[in-house]
PDB file of N, CA and C in Angstrom:
ATOM      1  N   MET A   1       7.429  24.339 -13.670  1.00  0.00           N
ATOM      2  CA  MET A   1       5.674  24.840 -13.068  1.00  0.00           C
ATOM      3  C   MET A   1       6.568  25.599 -11.746  1.00  0.00           C
ATOM      4  N   ASP A   2       5.550  26.461 -11.469  1.00  0.00           N
ATOM      5  CA  ASP A   2       5.769  27.654 -10.557  1.00  0.00           C
ATOM      6  C   ASP A   2       4.965  27.222  -9.101  1.00  0.00           C
ATOM      7  N   VAL A   3       5.485  26.330  -8.162  1.00  0.00           N
ATOM      8  CA  VAL A   3       4.688  26.539  -6.889  1.00  0.00           C
ATOM      9  C   VAL A   3       5.807  26.578  -5.839  1.00  0.00           C
ATOM     10  N   GLN A   4       5.113  27.302  -4.758  1.00  0.00           N
ATOM     11  CA  GLN A   4       6.120  27.817  -3.870  1.00  0.00           C
ATOM     12  C   GLN A   4       5.415  27.361  -2.330  1.00  0.00           C
ATOM     13  N   PRO A   5       6.144  27.612  -1.227  1.00  0.00           N
ATOM     14  CA  PRO A   5       5.491  26.917  -0.129  1.00  0.00           C
ATOM     15  C   PRO A   5       4.514  27.572  -0.005  1.00  0.00           C
ATOM     16  N   GLY A   6       3.560  27.180   0.916  1.00  0.00           N
ATOM     17  CA  GLY A   6       2.038  27.622   0.941  1.00  0.00           C
ATOM     18  C   GLY A   6       1.093  27.390  -0.127  1.00  0.00           C
ATOM     19  N   ASP A   7       1.671  26.873  -1.206  1.00  0.00           N
ATOM     20  CA  ASP A   7       0.878  26.448  -2.206  1.00  0.00           C
ATOM     21  C   ASP A   7      -0.418  25.441  -1.877  1.00  0.00           C
ATOM     22  N   ILE A   8      -1.459  25.260  -2.778  1.00  0.00           N
ATOM     23  CA  ILE A   8      -2.110  23.708  -2.599  1.00  0.00           C
ATOM     24  C   ILE A   8      -2.277  23.298  -4.009  1.00  0.00           C
ATOM     25  N   LEU A   9      -1.723  21.956  -3.616  1.00  0.00           N
ATOM     26  CA  LEU A   9      -1.343  21.410  -5.488  1.00  0.00           C
ATOM     27  C   LEU A   9      -2.730  20.001  -4.756  1.00  0.00           C
ATOM     28  N   VAL A  10      -3.362  20.115  -6.207  1.00  0.00           N
ATOM     29  CA  VAL A  10      -4.954  19.257  -6.628  1.00  0.00           C
ATOM     30  C   VAL A  10      -4.141  18.015  -7.192  1.00  0.00           C
ATOM     31  N   MET A  11      -4.351  17.170  -6.927  1.00  0.00           N
ATOM     32  CA  MET A  11      -3.379  16.125  -8.098  1.00  0.00           C
ATOM     33  C   MET A  11      -4.390  15.024  -8.415  1.00  0.00           C
ATOM     34  N   LYS A  12      -3.903  14.508  -9.399  1.00  0.00           N
ATOM     35  CA  LYS A  12      -4.860  13.443 -10.971  1.00  0.00           C
ATOM     36  C   LYS A  12      -5.350  12.120 -10.044  1.00  0.00           C
ATOM     37  N   LYS A  13      -4.325  11.584  -9.149  1.00  0.00           N
ATOM     38  CA  LYS A  13      -4.370  10.704  -8.287  1.00  0.00           C
ATOM     39  C   LYS A  13      -4.466  11.073  -6.916  1.00  0.00           C
ATOM     40  N   PRO A  14      -5.133  10.085  -5.825  1.00  0.00           N
ATOM     41  CA  PRO A  14      -5.528  10.622  -4.679  1.00  0.00           C
ATOM     42  C   PRO A  14      -4.845   9.967  -3.958  1.00  0.00           C
ATOM     43  N   HIS A  15      -4.257  10.387  -2.174  1.00  0.00           N
ATOM     44  CA  HIS A  15      -3.409   9.619  -1.708  1.00  0.00           C
ATOM     45  C   HIS A  15      -4.221   8.500  -0.857  1.00  0.00           C
ATOM     46  N   PRO A  16      -3.707   7.498  -0.848  1.00  0.00           N
ATOM     47  CA  PRO A  16      -4.193   6.583  -0.086  1.00  0.00           C
ATOM     48  C   PRO A  16      -5.475   6.945   0.901  1.00  0.00           C
ATOM     49  N   CYS A  17      -5.639   7.886   1.569  1.00  0.00           N
ATOM     50  CA  CYS A  17      -6.751   8.541   2.410  1.00  0.00           C
ATOM     51  C   CYS A  17      -7.752   8.625   1.431  1.00  0.00           C
ATOM     52  N   GLY A  18      -7.399   8.951   0.336  1.00  0.00           N
ATOM     53  CA  GLY A  18      -8.922   9.901  -0.673  1.00  0.00           C
ATOM     54  C   GLY A  18      -8.808  10.781  -0.550  1.00  0.00           C
ATOM     55  N   LYS A  19      -7.663  11.366  -0.409  1.00  0.00           N
ATOM     56  CA  LYS A  19      -8.129  12.972  -0.400  1.00  0.00           C
ATOM     57  C   LYS A  19      -7.035  13.537  -1.801  1.00  0.00           C
ATOM     58  N   TYR A  20      -7.398  14.360  -2.389  1.00  0.00           N
ATOM     59  CA  TYR A  20      -6.419  14.235  -3.895  1.00  0.00           C
ATOM     60  C   TYR A  20      -5.308  15.700  -3.563  1.00  0.00           C
ATOM     61  N   GLU A  21      -6.061  16.920  -2.202  1.00  0.00           N
ATOM     62  CA  GLU A  21      -5.238  17.713  -1.792  1.00  0.00           C
ATOM     63  C   GLU A  21      -4.033  17.932  -1.072  1.00  0.00           C
ATOM     64  N   PHE A  22      -2.878  18.669  -1.246  1.00  0.00           N
ATOM     65  CA  PHE A  22      -1.782  18.483  -0.687  1.00  0.00           C
ATOM     66  C   PHE A  22      -0.856  19.883  -0.323  1.00  0.00           C
ATOM     67  N   PHE A  23      -0.604  19.827   1.014  1.00  0.00           N
ATOM     68  CA  PHE A  23      -0.169  21.624   1.089  1.00  0.00           C
ATOM     69  C   PHE A  23       1.341  21.274   1.021  1.00  0.00           C
ATOM     70  N   VAL A  24       2.244  22.076  -0.185  1.00  0.00           N
ATOM     71  CA  VAL A  24       3.307  22.612   0.105  1.00  0.00           C
ATOM     72  C   VAL A  24       3.782  22.899   1.103  1.00  0.00           C
ATOM     73  N   ILE A  25       4.722  22.442   1.776  1.00  0.00           N
ATOM     74  CA  ILE A  25       5.438  22.813   3.014  1.00  0.00           C
ATOM     75  C   ILE A  25       6.765  22.911   2.383  1.00  0.00           C
ATOM     76  N   ARG A  26       7.530  22.718   1.316  1.00  0.00           N
ATOM     77  CA  ARG A  26       8.788  23.043   0.861  1.00  0.00           C
ATOM     78  C   ARG A  26       8.744  23.040  -0.766  1.00  0.00           C
ATOM     79  N   SER A  27      10.264  23.625  -1.287  1.00  0.00           N
ATOM     80  CA  SER A  27      10.237  23.295  -3.143  1.00  0.00           C
ATOM     81  C   SER A  27      11.148  23.511  -3.451  1.00  0.00           C
ATOM     82  N   GLY A  28      11.612  22.965  -4.266  1.00  0.00           N
ATOM     83  CA  GLY A  28      13.382  23.211  -4.631  1.00  0.00           C
ATOM     84  C   GLY A  28      13.526  21.780  -5.496  1.00  0.00           C
ATOM     85  N   ALA A  29      14.616  20.782  -5.343  1.00  0.00           N
ATOM     86  CA  ALA A  29      14.606  19.798  -6.455  1.00  0.00           C
ATOM     87  C   ALA A  29      13.638  18.561  -6.126  1.00  0.00           C
ATOM     88  N   ASP A  30      13.161  18.518  -4.506  1.00  0.00           N
ATOM     89  CA  ASP A  30      12.069  17.857  -4.692  1.00  0.00           C
ATOM     90  C   ASP A  30      11.147  18.496  -3.524  1.00  0.00           C
ATOM     91  N   PHE A  31       9.978  18.177  -3.599  1.00  0.00           N
ATOM     92  CA  PHE A  31       9.053  19.152  -2.415  1.00  0.00           C
ATOM     93  C   PHE A  31       8.684  17.728  -1.296  1.00  0.00           C
ATOM     94  N   ARG A  32       8.488  18.892  -0.162  1.00  0.00           N
ATOM     95  CA  ARG A  32       7.926  18.044   0.714  1.00  0.00           C
ATOM     96  C   ARG A  32       6.966  18.677   0.712  1.00  0.00           C
ATOM     97  N   LEU A  33       5.590  17.558   0.968  1.00  0.00           N
ATOM     98  CA  LEU A  33       4.085  17.716   0.943  1.00  0.00           C
ATOM     99  C   LEU A  33       3.442  17.402   2.222  1.00  0.00           C
ATOM    100  N   ARG A  34       2.491  17.720   2.518  1.00  0.00           N
ATOM    101  CA  ARG A  34       1.571  17.587   3.591  1.00  0.00           C
ATOM    102  C   ARG A  34       0.116  17.112   2.710  1.00  0.00           C
ATOM    103  N   CYS A  35      -0.419  16.070   3.272  1.00  0.00           N
ATOM    104  CA  CYS A  35      -1.596  15.085   2.738  1.00  0.00           C
ATOM    105  C   CYS A  35      -3.032  16.439   3.814  1.00  0.00           C
ATOM    106  N   LEU A  36      -3.792  16.901   2.792  1.00  0.00           N
ATOM    107  CA  LEU A  36      -5.140  17.757   3.652  1.00  0.00           C
ATOM    108  C   LEU A  36      -6.006  16.443   4.622  1.00  0.00           C
ATOM    109  N   GLY A  37      -5.978  15.616   3.869  1.00  0.00           N
ATOM    110  CA  GLY A  37      -7.035  14.461   4.418  1.00  0.00           C
ATOM    111  C   GLY A  37      -6.406  13.911   5.999  1.00  0.00           C
ATOM    112  N   CYS A  38      -5.269  13.122   5.974  1.00  0.00           N
ATOM    113  CA  CYS A  38      -4.636  11.971   7.039  1.00  0.00           C
ATOM    114  C   CYS A  38      -3.892  13.086   7.831  1.00  0.00           C
ATOM    115  N   SER A  39      -3.198  14.435   7.192  1.00  0.00           N
ATOM    116  CA  SER A  39      -1.738  15.080   7.902  1.00  0.00           C
ATOM    117  C   SER A  39      -0.255  14.276   7.542  1.00  0.00           C
ATOM    118  N   ARG A  40      -0.344  13.192   6.682  1.00  0.00           N
ATOM    119  CA  ARG A  40       0.777  12.490   6.896  1.00  0.00           C
ATOM    120  C   ARG A  40       1.763  13.030   5.403  1.00  0.00           C
ATOM    121  N   GLU A  41       3.119  13.613   6.299  1.00  0.00           N
ATOM    122  CA  GLU A  41       4.108  14.465   5.611  1.00  0.00           C
ATOM    123  C   GLU A  41       5.285  13.476   4.710  1.00  0.00           C
ATOM    124  N   PHE A  42       5.593  14.265   3.484  1.00  0.00           N
ATOM    125  CA  PHE A  42       6.521  13.237   2.811  1.00  0.00           C
ATOM    126  C   PHE A  42       6.679  14.058   1.780  1.00  0.00           C
ATOM    127  N   MET A  43       8.009  13.320   1.194  1.00  0.00           N
ATOM    128  CA  MET A  43       8.524  14.129   0.101  1.00  0.00           C
ATOM    129  C   MET A  43       9.228  13.121  -1.027  1.00  0.00           C
ATOM    130  N   VAL A  44       9.030  13.874  -2.135  1.00  0.00           N
ATOM    131  CA  VAL A  44       9.135  13.305  -3.324  1.00  0.00           C
ATOM    132  C   VAL A  44       9.510  14.088  -4.418  1.00  0.00           C
ATOM    133  N   PRO A  45      10.676  13.633  -5.594  1.00  0.00           N
ATOM    134  CA  PRO A  45      11.228  14.373  -6.066  1.00  0.00           C
ATOM    135  C   PRO A  45      10.563  15.249  -7.273  1.00  0.00           C
ATOM    136  N   ARG A  46      10.767  16.178  -7.683  1.00  0.00           N
ATOM    137  CA  ARG A  46      10.105  17.167  -8.700  1.00  0.00           C
ATOM    138  C   ARG A  46       9.680  16.431  -9.628  1.00  0.00           C
ATOM    139  N   SER A  47      10.429  16.028 -10.144  1.00  0.00           N
ATOM    140  CA  SER A  47      10.262  15.207 -11.735  1.00  0.00           C
ATOM    141  C   SER A  47       9.174  14.498 -11.482  1.00  0.00           C
ATOM    142  N   ARG A  48       9.152  13.455 -10.118  1.00  0.00           N
ATOM    143  CA  ARG A  48       7.595  12.736  -9.877  1.00  0.00           C
ATOM    144  C   ARG A  48       6.288  13.534  -9.814  1.00  0.00           C
ATOM    145  N   ILE A  49       6.693  14.563  -9.304  1.00  0.00           N
ATOM    146  CA  ILE A  49       5.079  15.609  -8.652  1.00  0.00           C
ATOM    147  C   ILE A  49       4.373  16.201 -10.316  1.00  0.00           C
ATOM    148  N   GLU A  50       5.592  17.139 -10.948  1.00  0.00           N
ATOM    149  CA  GLU A  50       5.263  18.545 -11.663  1.00  0.00           C
ATOM    150  C   GLU A  50       4.326  17.205 -12.393  1.00  0.00           C
ATOM    151  N   SER A  51       3.915  16.279 -13.065  1.00  0.00           N
ATOM    152  CA  SER A  51       3.686  15.339 -14.371  1.00  0.00           C
ATOM    153  C   SER A  51       2.382  15.261 -13.658  1.00  0.00           C
ATOM    154  N   ARG A  52       2.093  15.031 -12.686  1.00  0.00           N
ATOM    155  CA  ARG A  52       0.682  14.599 -11.381  1.00  0.00           C
ATOM    156  C   ARG A  52      -0.011  15.263 -10.942  1.00  0.00           C
ATOM    157  N   ILE A  53       0.487  16.776 -11.257  1.00  0.00           N
ATOM    158  CA  ILE A  53      -0.422  18.195 -10.802  1.00  0.00           C
ATOM    159  C   ILE A  53      -1.669  17.931 -11.527  1.00  0.00           C
ATOM    160  N   LYS A  54      -2.760  18.780 -11.108  1.00  0.00           N
ATOM    161  CA  LYS A  54      -3.775  18.876 -11.782  1.00  0.00           C
ATOM    162  C   LYS A  54      -3.945  20.371 -11.537  1.00  0.00           C
ATOM    163  N   SER A  55      -3.928  21.057 -10.646  1.00  0.00           N
ATOM    164  CA  SER A  55      -3.864  22.252 -10.648  1.00  0.00           C
ATOM    165  C   SER A  55      -3.058  23.127  -9.568  1.00  0.00           C
ATOM    166  N   VAL A  56      -3.016  24.431  -9.467  1.00  0.00           N
ATOM    167  CA  VAL A  56      -2.190  24.422  -8.031  1.00  0.00           C
ATOM    168  C   VAL A  56      -3.225  25.773  -7.297  1.00  0.00           C
ATOM    169  N   ILE A  57      -3.539  25.956  -6.137  1.00  0.00           N
ATOM    170  CA  ILE A  57      -4.447  26.943  -5.320  1.00  0.00           C
ATOM    171  C   ILE A  57      -3.294  27.478  -4.497  1.00  0.00           C
ATOM    172  N   ARG A  58      -3.446  28.747  -5.237  1.00  0.00           N
ATOM    173  CA  ARG A  58      -2.771  29.766  -4.356  1.00  0.00           C
ATOM    174  C   ARG A  58      -3.399  30.723  -3.434  1.00  0.00           C
ATOM    175  N   GLU A  59      -3.406  29.985  -1.896  1.00  0.00           N
ATOM    176  CA  GLU A  59      -4.113  31.061  -1.138  1.00  0.00           C
ATOM    177  C   GLU A  59      -3.890  32.381  -1.074  1.00  0.00           C
ATOM    178  N   ASN A  60      -2.701  33.317  -1.457  1.00  0.00           N
ATOM    179  CA  ASN A  60      -2.422  34.238  -0.979  1.00  0.00           C
ATOM    180  C   ASN A  60      -1.993  35.328  -1.980  1.00  0.00           C
ATOM    181  N   ALA A  61      -2.898  34.810  -3.313  1.00  0.00           N
ATOM    182  CA  ALA A  61      -2.474  35.334  -4.731  1.00  0.00           C
ATOM    183  C   ALA A  61      -3.209  37.037  -4.744  1.00  0.00           C
ATOM    184  N   GLU A  62      -3.927  37.469  -3.926  1.00  0.00           N
ATOM    185  CA  GLU A  62      -3.791  39.488  -3.942  1.00  0.00           C
ATOM    186  C   GLU A  62      -3.206  39.656  -3.155  1.00  0.00           C
ATOM    187  N   ASN A  63      -2.480  39.045  -2.326  1.00  0.00           N
ATOM    188  CA  ASN A  63      -1.219  39.699  -1.642  1.00  0.00           C
ATOM    189  C   ASN A  63      -0.108  39.563  -1.839  1.00  0.00           C
ATOM    190  N   GLN A  64       0.115  39.189  -2.908  1.00  0.00           N
ATOM    191  CA  GLN A  64       1.469  38.793  -3.385  1.00  0.00           C
ATOM    192  C   GLN A  64       1.963  40.043  -4.567  1.00  0.00           C
ATOM    193  N   ASN A  65       0.878  40.833  -5.213  1.00  0.00           N
ATOM    194  CA  ASN A  65       1.194  42.030  -5.802  1.00  0.00           C
ATOM    195  C   ASN A  65       1.376  43.458  -5.257  1.00  0.00           C
ATOM    196  N   LEU A  66       1.332  43.321  -3.623  1.00  0.00           N
ATOM    197  CA  LEU A  66       1.941  44.146  -3.016  1.00  0.00           C
ATOM    198  C   LEU A  66       3.170  44.752  -2.697  1.00  0.00           C
TER     199      LEU A  66
END
């Protein structure tokens, strides 16, 4: 799955604060994510996150083709 820094991940299950959206700070063997509800930052292995992603929102989709 192609996840890049700056993307927003919509997950199948919510964070304990109730939000489903997470901002990707870093991607690689593991992801550094920021919850868009409570702003908590955490790192999670790629293997745990990829199966829990519902959709990826790419903010700069129109600017990537330039």
